[in-house]
Every structure is written in C-alpha cells, then in structure tokens.
N, C-alpha and C. Protein backbone atom coordinates (compact mmCIF):
# COMPACT_ATOMS: atom_id res chain seq x y z
N MET A 1 73.31 28.02 79.60
CA MET A 1 73.66 29.09 78.68
C MET A 1 72.48 30.07 78.62
N SER A 2 72.75 31.33 78.83
CA SER A 2 71.68 32.32 78.86
C SER A 2 71.40 32.95 77.51
N ARG A 3 72.19 32.65 76.52
CA ARG A 3 72.01 33.27 75.22
C ARG A 3 72.01 32.21 74.12
N LEU A 4 71.09 32.36 73.20
CA LEU A 4 71.04 31.49 72.03
C LEU A 4 71.32 32.31 70.79
N ASP A 5 72.11 31.80 69.89
CA ASP A 5 72.33 32.48 68.63
C ASP A 5 71.47 31.81 67.57
N TYR A 6 70.74 32.61 66.86
CA TYR A 6 69.80 32.12 65.85
C TYR A 6 70.09 32.81 64.53
N CYS A 7 70.16 32.04 63.48
CA CYS A 7 70.30 32.67 62.17
C CYS A 7 69.36 31.98 61.21
N ASN A 8 68.97 32.72 60.20
CA ASN A 8 68.01 32.22 59.24
C ASN A 8 68.40 32.74 57.88
N SER A 9 68.24 31.95 56.84
CA SER A 9 68.51 32.38 55.49
C SER A 9 67.20 32.65 54.78
N VAL A 10 67.16 33.70 54.02
CA VAL A 10 65.98 34.05 53.25
C VAL A 10 66.28 33.76 51.79
N LEU A 11 65.47 32.92 51.17
CA LEU A 11 65.70 32.54 49.79
C LEU A 11 64.72 33.27 48.87
N VAL A 12 64.97 34.54 48.65
CA VAL A 12 64.18 35.34 47.72
C VAL A 12 65.14 36.24 46.95
N ALA A 13 64.71 36.69 45.79
CA ALA A 13 65.50 37.67 45.04
C ALA A 13 65.36 39.01 45.76
N LEU A 14 66.44 39.51 46.29
CA LEU A 14 66.38 40.70 47.12
C LEU A 14 66.41 41.97 46.27
N PRO A 15 65.53 42.91 46.59
CA PRO A 15 65.57 44.20 45.90
C PRO A 15 66.77 45.01 46.38
N THR A 16 67.10 46.07 45.66
CA THR A 16 68.24 46.89 46.06
C THR A 16 68.00 47.59 47.39
N SER A 17 66.74 47.72 47.80
CA SER A 17 66.43 48.36 49.08
C SER A 17 66.55 47.40 50.27
N ALA A 18 66.85 46.14 50.02
CA ALA A 18 66.89 45.14 51.10
C ALA A 18 67.83 45.51 52.23
N PRO A 19 69.05 45.96 51.97
CA PRO A 19 69.93 46.31 53.09
C PRO A 19 69.32 47.39 53.99
N TYR A 20 68.65 48.37 53.42
CA TYR A 20 68.00 49.40 54.22
C TYR A 20 66.90 48.79 55.09
N VAL A 21 66.08 47.93 54.49
CA VAL A 21 64.98 47.29 55.22
C VAL A 21 65.53 46.44 56.36
N ILE A 22 66.56 45.68 56.09
CA ILE A 22 67.15 44.80 57.10
C ILE A 22 67.72 45.61 58.26
N THR A 23 68.50 46.64 57.95
CA THR A 23 69.10 47.43 59.02
C THR A 23 68.05 48.26 59.77
N HIS A 24 66.98 48.62 59.09
CA HIS A 24 65.88 49.33 59.76
C HIS A 24 65.32 48.48 60.90
N HIS A 25 65.28 47.17 60.72
CA HIS A 25 64.79 46.25 61.75
C HIS A 25 65.88 45.86 62.75
N ARG A 26 67.06 46.43 62.59
CA ARG A 26 68.21 46.14 63.46
C ARG A 26 68.60 44.66 63.45
N VAL A 27 68.52 44.10 62.26
CA VAL A 27 68.94 42.72 62.03
C VAL A 27 70.27 42.79 61.29
N GLN A 28 71.19 41.93 61.65
CA GLN A 28 72.47 41.88 60.95
C GLN A 28 72.33 40.98 59.74
N TYR A 29 73.13 41.23 58.72
CA TYR A 29 73.06 40.40 57.52
C TYR A 29 74.43 40.28 56.89
N HIS A 30 74.56 39.27 56.06
CA HIS A 30 75.77 39.08 55.27
C HIS A 30 75.35 38.64 53.89
N GLN A 31 75.81 39.37 52.87
CA GLN A 31 75.47 39.02 51.50
C GLN A 31 76.63 38.26 50.88
N TYR A 32 76.29 37.16 50.27
CA TYR A 32 77.23 36.36 49.49
C TYR A 32 76.86 36.54 48.02
N ALA A 33 77.61 35.92 47.13
CA ALA A 33 77.32 36.04 45.70
C ALA A 33 75.94 35.49 45.35
N ASP A 34 75.51 34.45 46.04
CA ASP A 34 74.26 33.80 45.66
C ASP A 34 73.19 33.77 46.74
N ASP A 35 73.43 34.39 47.89
CA ASP A 35 72.39 34.45 48.92
C ASP A 35 72.69 35.52 49.96
N THR A 36 71.73 35.79 50.78
CA THR A 36 71.88 36.73 51.90
C THR A 36 71.43 36.03 53.16
N GLN A 37 72.22 36.12 54.21
CA GLN A 37 71.87 35.50 55.48
C GLN A 37 71.55 36.58 56.50
N LEU A 38 70.44 36.39 57.21
CA LEU A 38 70.06 37.30 58.28
C LEU A 38 70.48 36.68 59.61
N HIS A 39 71.01 37.50 60.50
CA HIS A 39 71.49 37.03 61.80
C HIS A 39 70.87 37.86 62.90
N LEU A 40 70.44 37.18 63.95
CA LEU A 40 69.78 37.86 65.04
C LEU A 40 70.11 37.13 66.35
N ALA A 41 70.66 37.86 67.31
CA ALA A 41 70.94 37.27 68.62
C ALA A 41 69.64 37.23 69.43
N ILE A 42 69.40 36.09 70.04
CA ILE A 42 68.17 35.90 70.81
C ILE A 42 68.54 35.40 72.21
N HIS A 43 67.99 36.05 73.21
CA HIS A 43 68.16 35.61 74.59
C HIS A 43 66.94 34.80 75.00
N ALA A 44 67.09 33.91 75.94
CA ALA A 44 65.99 33.05 76.36
C ALA A 44 64.78 33.84 76.86
N ASP A 45 65.03 35.01 77.45
CA ASP A 45 63.92 35.78 78.01
C ASP A 45 63.20 36.66 76.98
N ASN A 46 63.71 36.75 75.74
CA ASN A 46 63.03 37.57 74.74
C ASN A 46 62.86 36.87 73.39
N THR A 47 62.85 35.57 73.40
CA THR A 47 62.77 34.81 72.16
C THR A 47 61.55 35.17 71.31
N PRO A 48 60.33 35.17 71.84
CA PRO A 48 59.17 35.51 71.00
C PRO A 48 59.26 36.90 70.37
N ALA A 49 59.73 37.87 71.13
CA ALA A 49 59.84 39.23 70.61
C ALA A 49 60.86 39.32 69.49
N ARG A 50 61.99 38.67 69.66
CA ARG A 50 63.05 38.72 68.64
C ARG A 50 62.66 37.95 67.39
N LEU A 51 61.97 36.83 67.55
CA LEU A 51 61.50 36.09 66.38
C LEU A 51 60.46 36.91 65.62
N SER A 52 59.69 37.70 66.35
CA SER A 52 58.73 38.59 65.72
C SER A 52 59.44 39.64 64.87
N VAL A 53 60.54 40.16 65.36
CA VAL A 53 61.34 41.13 64.61
C VAL A 53 61.84 40.49 63.32
N LEU A 54 62.34 39.27 63.41
CA LEU A 54 62.84 38.57 62.24
C LEU A 54 61.72 38.31 61.23
N ALA A 55 60.55 37.94 61.72
CA ALA A 55 59.40 37.71 60.84
C ALA A 55 58.97 39.00 60.15
N GLU A 56 58.93 40.10 60.89
CA GLU A 56 58.56 41.39 60.30
C GLU A 56 59.58 41.81 59.25
N CYS A 57 60.84 41.59 59.54
CA CYS A 57 61.90 41.95 58.60
C CYS A 57 61.76 41.17 57.29
N THR A 58 61.60 39.86 57.39
CA THR A 58 61.47 39.06 56.17
C THR A 58 60.20 39.39 55.42
N THR A 59 59.13 39.71 56.13
CA THR A 59 57.87 40.11 55.47
C THR A 59 58.08 41.40 54.70
N ASP A 60 58.76 42.36 55.30
CA ASP A 60 59.02 43.62 54.62
C ASP A 60 59.91 43.44 53.40
N ILE A 61 60.88 42.56 53.50
CA ILE A 61 61.73 42.28 52.34
C ILE A 61 60.91 41.69 51.20
N VAL A 62 60.07 40.72 51.51
CA VAL A 62 59.25 40.08 50.48
C VAL A 62 58.29 41.09 49.85
N LYS A 63 57.76 42.01 50.63
CA LYS A 63 56.86 43.04 50.11
C LYS A 63 57.56 43.91 49.07
N LYS A 64 58.87 44.07 49.20
CA LYS A 64 59.64 44.92 48.29
C LYS A 64 60.00 44.22 46.97
N THR A 65 59.78 42.91 46.90
CA THR A 65 60.15 42.18 45.67
C THR A 65 59.05 42.23 44.65
C-alpha cells in the first residue's frame, strides 16, 4: 500500500479561530459536540513532512487558547 491514512485528535478547548488556523495548514477537520478531529493524508514518501505540518497546526491552535 503506497498511502497511509493518519488521523489525530486534539484534546484542547478550541478558540473560535481554530477552523481558520486548521484550514490555513491545509489540514482537514471534523467538529463534534465534544471534540474536534484533525485528519491528514500521509504518503510513505512524505511522512516526516506531513507530520511536521500536523505538529505545526496543533502548536498554532494551542497558542490561540
């Protein structure tokens, strides 16, 4: 399989600007009543780069809280 799907949940109180921050990093998300899940497709040849994007996204979200 050449593609891996990776998703991660962020357990923080999200500010109202969170959707903007998430989409700015080109990460997909889904908000539920009690949590928000971030979704990011990762290919085997770009795993470190994509995980870095996810880390930067979550760091930016936490900075906004």
